[in-house]
């Protein structure tokens, strides 16, 4: 039976910075060094927060939890691109986006811990309401 190729494709990736830290200035966004540092610090904070939430989940102190590690840049920069009057529609793995939009860590932990304090977002966050997460005891 002959072999037939059904599809061929390639995936291209754009890198602003390579693994050695060299930046392609033509691709560098028009952001101040301070703003770039703030976004980077938020990505690091998001990863550290993610590690803490995973430990809480493994201790049985919170319900279902979706890890964010490795995706920090995707949702932090997407939320950064939103205007103040834009609404964000949250999904799993977007802790950094919530933090960038003004939600504090306590409210985020209340949500994942299925407490009543986690059923709403601060108005300034402009995040669509989230359903209450019930976790059986």
C-alpha atoms as a PDB file:
ATOM      1  CA  UNK A   1       0.000   0.000   0.000  1.00  0.00           C
ATOM      2  CA  UNK A   2       1.529   3.358  -0.978  1.00  0.00           C
ATOM      3  CA  UNK A   3       2.315   5.966   1.673  1.00  0.00           C
ATOM      4  CA  UNK A   4       0.463   9.227   1.215  1.00  0.00           C
ATOM      5  CA  UNK A   5       1.416  12.429   2.966  1.00  0.00           C
ATOM      6  CA  UNK A   6      -1.724  14.043   4.333  1.00  0.00           C
ATOM      7  CA  UNK A   7      -0.219  17.256   5.633  1.00  0.00           C
ATOM      8  CA  UNK A   8       3.129  18.934   6.108  1.00  0.00           C
ATOM      9  CA  UNK A   9       3.750  22.071   8.092  1.00  0.00           C
ATOM     10  CA  UNK A  10       6.282  23.934  10.130  1.00  0.00           C
ATOM     11  CA  UNK A  11       5.995  25.942  13.299  1.00  0.00           C
ATOM     12  CA  UNK A  12       7.910  29.180  13.571  1.00  0.00           C
ATOM     13  CA  UNK A  13       8.803  30.879  16.813  1.00  0.00           C
ATOM     14  CA  UNK A  14       9.742  34.496  17.395  1.00  0.00           C
ATOM     15  CA  UNK A  15      12.319  35.181  20.085  1.00  0.00           C
ATOM     16  CA  UNK A  16      12.919  38.690  21.335  1.00  0.00           C
ATOM     17  CA  UNK A  17      15.628  37.390  23.671  1.00  0.00           C
ATOM     18  CA  UNK A  18      17.711  34.273  23.236  1.00  0.00           C
ATOM     19  CA  UNK A  19      18.838  31.912  25.987  1.00  0.00           C
ATOM     20  CA  UNK A  20      22.030  33.918  26.530  1.00  0.00           C
ATOM     21  CA  UNK A  21      20.075  37.135  27.128  1.00  0.00           C
ATOM     22  CA  UNK A  22      20.871  38.766  23.766  1.00  0.00           C
ATOM     23  CA  UNK A  23      17.990  40.948  22.584  1.00  0.00           C
ATOM     24  CA  UNK A  24      16.919  41.548  18.995  1.00  0.00           C
ATOM     25  CA  UNK A  25      16.384  45.329  19.191  1.00  0.00           C
ATOM     26  CA  UNK A  26      14.100  45.299  16.131  1.00  0.00           C
ATOM     27  CA  UNK A  27      11.648  43.074  18.021  1.00  0.00           C
ATOM     28  CA  UNK A  28      11.978  44.767  21.416  1.00  0.00           C
ATOM     29  CA  UNK A  29       8.664  46.346  22.525  1.00  0.00           C
ATOM     30  CA  UNK A  30       8.542  50.070  23.253  1.00  0.00           C
ATOM     31  CA  UNK A  31       8.665  49.692  27.033  1.00  0.00           C
ATOM     32  CA  UNK A  32      10.900  51.356  29.574  1.00  0.00           C
ATOM     33  CA  UNK A  33      13.496  49.198  31.319  1.00  0.00           C
ATOM     34  CA  UNK A  34      11.594  49.770  34.579  1.00  0.00           C
ATOM     35  CA  UNK A  35       8.339  48.471  33.080  1.00  0.00           C
ATOM     36  CA  UNK A  36      10.092  45.423  31.629  1.00  0.00           C
ATOM     37  CA  UNK A  37      11.601  44.741  35.056  1.00  0.00           C
ATOM     38  CA  UNK A  38       8.130  45.071  36.689  1.00  0.00           C
ATOM     39  CA  UNK A  39       6.645  42.557  34.268  1.00  0.00           C
ATOM     40  CA  UNK A  40       9.533  40.163  34.831  1.00  0.00           C
ATOM     41  CA  UNK A  41       9.185  40.502  38.609  1.00  0.00           C
ATOM     42  CA  UNK A  42       5.456  39.740  38.296  1.00  0.00           C
ATOM     43  CA  UNK A  43       6.265  36.601  36.292  1.00  0.00           C
ATOM     44  CA  UNK A  44       8.707  35.496  39.022  1.00  0.00           C
ATOM     45  CA  UNK A  45       6.140  36.306  41.744  1.00  0.00           C
ATOM     46  CA  UNK A  46       3.532  34.313  39.811  1.00  0.00           C
ATOM     47  CA  UNK A  47       5.828  31.284  39.704  1.00  0.00           C
ATOM     48  CA  UNK A  48       6.592  31.523  43.426  1.00  0.00           C
ATOM     49  CA  UNK A  49       2.879  31.927  44.211  1.00  0.00           C
ATOM     50  CA  UNK A  50       2.169  28.911  42.009  1.00  0.00           C
ATOM     51  CA  UNK A  51       4.687  26.820  43.965  1.00  0.00           C
ATOM     52  CA  UNK A  52       3.021  27.807  47.253  1.00  0.00           C
ATOM     53  CA  UNK A  53      -0.457  27.010  45.956  1.00  0.00           C
ATOM     54  CA  UNK A  54       0.717  23.601  44.729  1.00  0.00           C
ATOM     55  CA  UNK A  55       2.039  22.820  48.218  1.00  0.00           C
ATOM     56  CA  UNK A  56      -1.290  23.855  49.754  1.00  0.00           C
ATOM     57  CA  UNK A  57      -3.166  21.656  47.285  1.00  0.00           C
ATOM     58  CA  UNK A  58      -0.941  18.656  47.983  1.00  0.00           C
ATOM     59  CA  UNK A  59      -1.507  19.161  51.723  1.00  0.00           C
ATOM     60  CA  UNK A  60      -5.258  18.996  51.123  1.00  0.00           C
ATOM     61  CA  UNK A  61      -5.728  22.634  52.156  1.00  0.00           C
ATOM     62  CA  UNK A  62      -7.252  23.684  48.830  1.00  0.00           C
ATOM     63  CA  UNK A  63      -9.179  21.995  46.048  1.00  0.00           C
ATOM     64  CA  UNK A  64      -8.374  21.471  42.410  1.00  0.00           C
ATOM     65  CA  UNK A  65      -5.478  23.563  41.263  1.00  0.00           C
ATOM     66  CA  UNK A  66      -4.068  24.072  37.769  1.00  0.00           C
ATOM     67  CA  UNK A  67      -0.341  24.855  37.678  1.00  0.00           C
ATOM     68  CA  UNK A  68       0.881  27.964  35.873  1.00  0.00           C
ATOM     69  CA  UNK A  69       4.601  27.166  35.692  1.00  0.00           C
ATOM     70  CA  UNK A  70       5.937  27.727  32.190  1.00  0.00           C
ATOM     71  CA  UNK A  71       3.009  29.888  31.114  1.00  0.00           C
ATOM     72  CA  UNK A  72       3.697  33.022  33.173  1.00  0.00           C
ATOM     73  CA  UNK A  73       4.753  35.142  30.208  1.00  0.00           C
ATOM     74  CA  UNK A  74       1.717  34.239  28.116  1.00  0.00           C
ATOM     75  CA  UNK A  75      -0.963  35.431  30.506  1.00  0.00           C
ATOM     76  CA  UNK A  76       0.949  38.279  32.174  1.00  0.00           C
ATOM     77  CA  UNK A  77       1.729  39.928  28.845  1.00  0.00           C
ATOM     78  CA  UNK A  78      -1.784  39.277  27.505  1.00  0.00           C
ATOM     79  CA  UNK A  79      -3.275  40.994  30.577  1.00  0.00           C
ATOM     80  CA  UNK A  80      -0.735  43.803  30.237  1.00  0.00           C
ATOM     81  CA  UNK A  81      -2.035  44.491  26.726  1.00  0.00           C
ATOM     82  CA  UNK A  82      -5.568  45.100  28.046  1.00  0.00           C
ATOM     83  CA  UNK A  83      -6.822  48.626  28.606  1.00  0.00           C
ATOM     84  CA  UNK A  84      -8.106  49.592  32.061  1.00  0.00           C
ATOM     85  CA  UNK A  85     -11.716  49.440  30.837  1.00  0.00           C
ATOM     86  CA  UNK A  86     -11.289  46.024  29.133  1.00  0.00           C
ATOM     87  CA  UNK A  87     -12.747  43.004  30.878  1.00  0.00           C
ATOM     88  CA  UNK A  88     -10.711  39.864  31.391  1.00  0.00           C
ATOM     89  CA  UNK A  89     -12.403  36.472  31.112  1.00  0.00           C
ATOM     90  CA  UNK A  90     -10.400  34.199  33.399  1.00  0.00           C
ATOM     91  CA  UNK A  91      -9.519  30.569  32.943  1.00  0.00           C
ATOM     92  CA  UNK A  92      -7.138  28.169  34.648  1.00  0.00           C
ATOM     93  CA  UNK A  93      -3.489  29.064  34.974  1.00  0.00           C
ATOM     94  CA  UNK A  94      -3.831  32.842  34.950  1.00  0.00           C
ATOM     95  CA  UNK A  95      -2.696  33.865  38.427  1.00  0.00           C
ATOM     96  CA  UNK A  96      -0.285  36.494  37.065  1.00  0.00           C
ATOM     97  CA  UNK A  97      -3.023  38.076  34.969  1.00  0.00           C
ATOM     98  CA  UNK A  98      -5.234  38.367  38.058  1.00  0.00           C
ATOM     99  CA  UNK A  99      -2.386  39.901  40.061  1.00  0.00           C
ATOM    100  CA  UNK A 100      -1.603  42.360  37.273  1.00  0.00           C
ATOM    101  CA  UNK A 101      -5.279  43.384  37.126  1.00  0.00           C
ATOM    102  CA  UNK A 102      -5.359  44.144  40.847  1.00  0.00           C
ATOM    103  CA  UNK A 103      -6.542  40.996  42.578  1.00  0.00           C
ATOM    104  CA  UNK A 104      -4.652  40.252  45.759  1.00  0.00           C
ATOM    105  CA  UNK A 105      -3.242  36.853  46.609  1.00  0.00           C
ATOM    106  CA  UNK A 106      -5.603  36.361  49.554  1.00  0.00           C
ATOM    107  CA  UNK A 107      -8.683  36.639  47.303  1.00  0.00           C
ATOM    108  CA  UNK A 108      -7.106  34.290  44.787  1.00  0.00           C
ATOM    109  CA  UNK A 109      -6.372  31.731  47.529  1.00  0.00           C
ATOM    110  CA  UNK A 110      -9.923  32.104  48.842  1.00  0.00           C
ATOM    111  CA  UNK A 111     -11.225  31.249  45.386  1.00  0.00           C
ATOM    112  CA  UNK A 112      -9.106  28.105  45.046  1.00  0.00           C
ATOM    113  CA  UNK A 113      -9.831  27.206  48.671  1.00  0.00           C
ATOM    114  CA  UNK A 114     -13.581  27.341  47.941  1.00  0.00           C
ATOM    115  CA  UNK A 115     -14.342  29.917  50.616  1.00  0.00           C
ATOM    116  CA  UNK A 116     -17.034  32.564  50.311  1.00  0.00           C
ATOM    117  CA  UNK A 117     -14.396  35.304  50.106  1.00  0.00           C
ATOM    118  CA  UNK A 118     -13.273  33.889  46.777  1.00  0.00           C
ATOM    119  CA  UNK A 119     -16.566  34.245  44.938  1.00  0.00           C
ATOM    120  CA  UNK A 120     -16.021  37.768  43.662  1.00  0.00           C
ATOM    121  CA  UNK A 121     -13.304  39.858  42.094  1.00  0.00           C
ATOM    122  CA  UNK A 122     -12.418  43.412  43.076  1.00  0.00           C
ATOM    123  CA  UNK A 123     -14.274  45.884  40.812  1.00  0.00           C
ATOM    124  CA  UNK A 124     -10.981  47.407  39.653  1.00  0.00           C
ATOM    125  CA  UNK A 125      -9.850  43.974  38.440  1.00  0.00           C
ATOM    126  CA  UNK A 126     -12.503  44.015  35.675  1.00  0.00           C
ATOM    127  CA  UNK A 127     -12.638  40.218  35.717  1.00  0.00           C
ATOM    128  CA  UNK A 128     -15.803  38.362  34.814  1.00  0.00           C
ATOM    129  CA  UNK A 129     -17.433  36.791  37.871  1.00  0.00           C
ATOM    130  CA  UNK A 130     -16.255  33.336  38.742  1.00  0.00           C
ATOM    131  CA  UNK A 131     -18.482  30.542  39.946  1.00  0.00           C
ATOM    132  CA  UNK A 132     -18.134  29.390  43.531  1.00  0.00           C
ATOM    133  CA  UNK A 133     -16.018  26.252  43.690  1.00  0.00           C
ATOM    134  CA  UNK A 134     -17.471  23.672  46.061  1.00  0.00           C
ATOM    135  CA  UNK A 135     -15.012  21.181  47.494  1.00  0.00           C
ATOM    136  CA  UNK A 136     -16.469  18.291  49.497  1.00  0.00           C
ATOM    137  CA  UNK A 137     -14.971  17.743  52.936  1.00  0.00           C
END
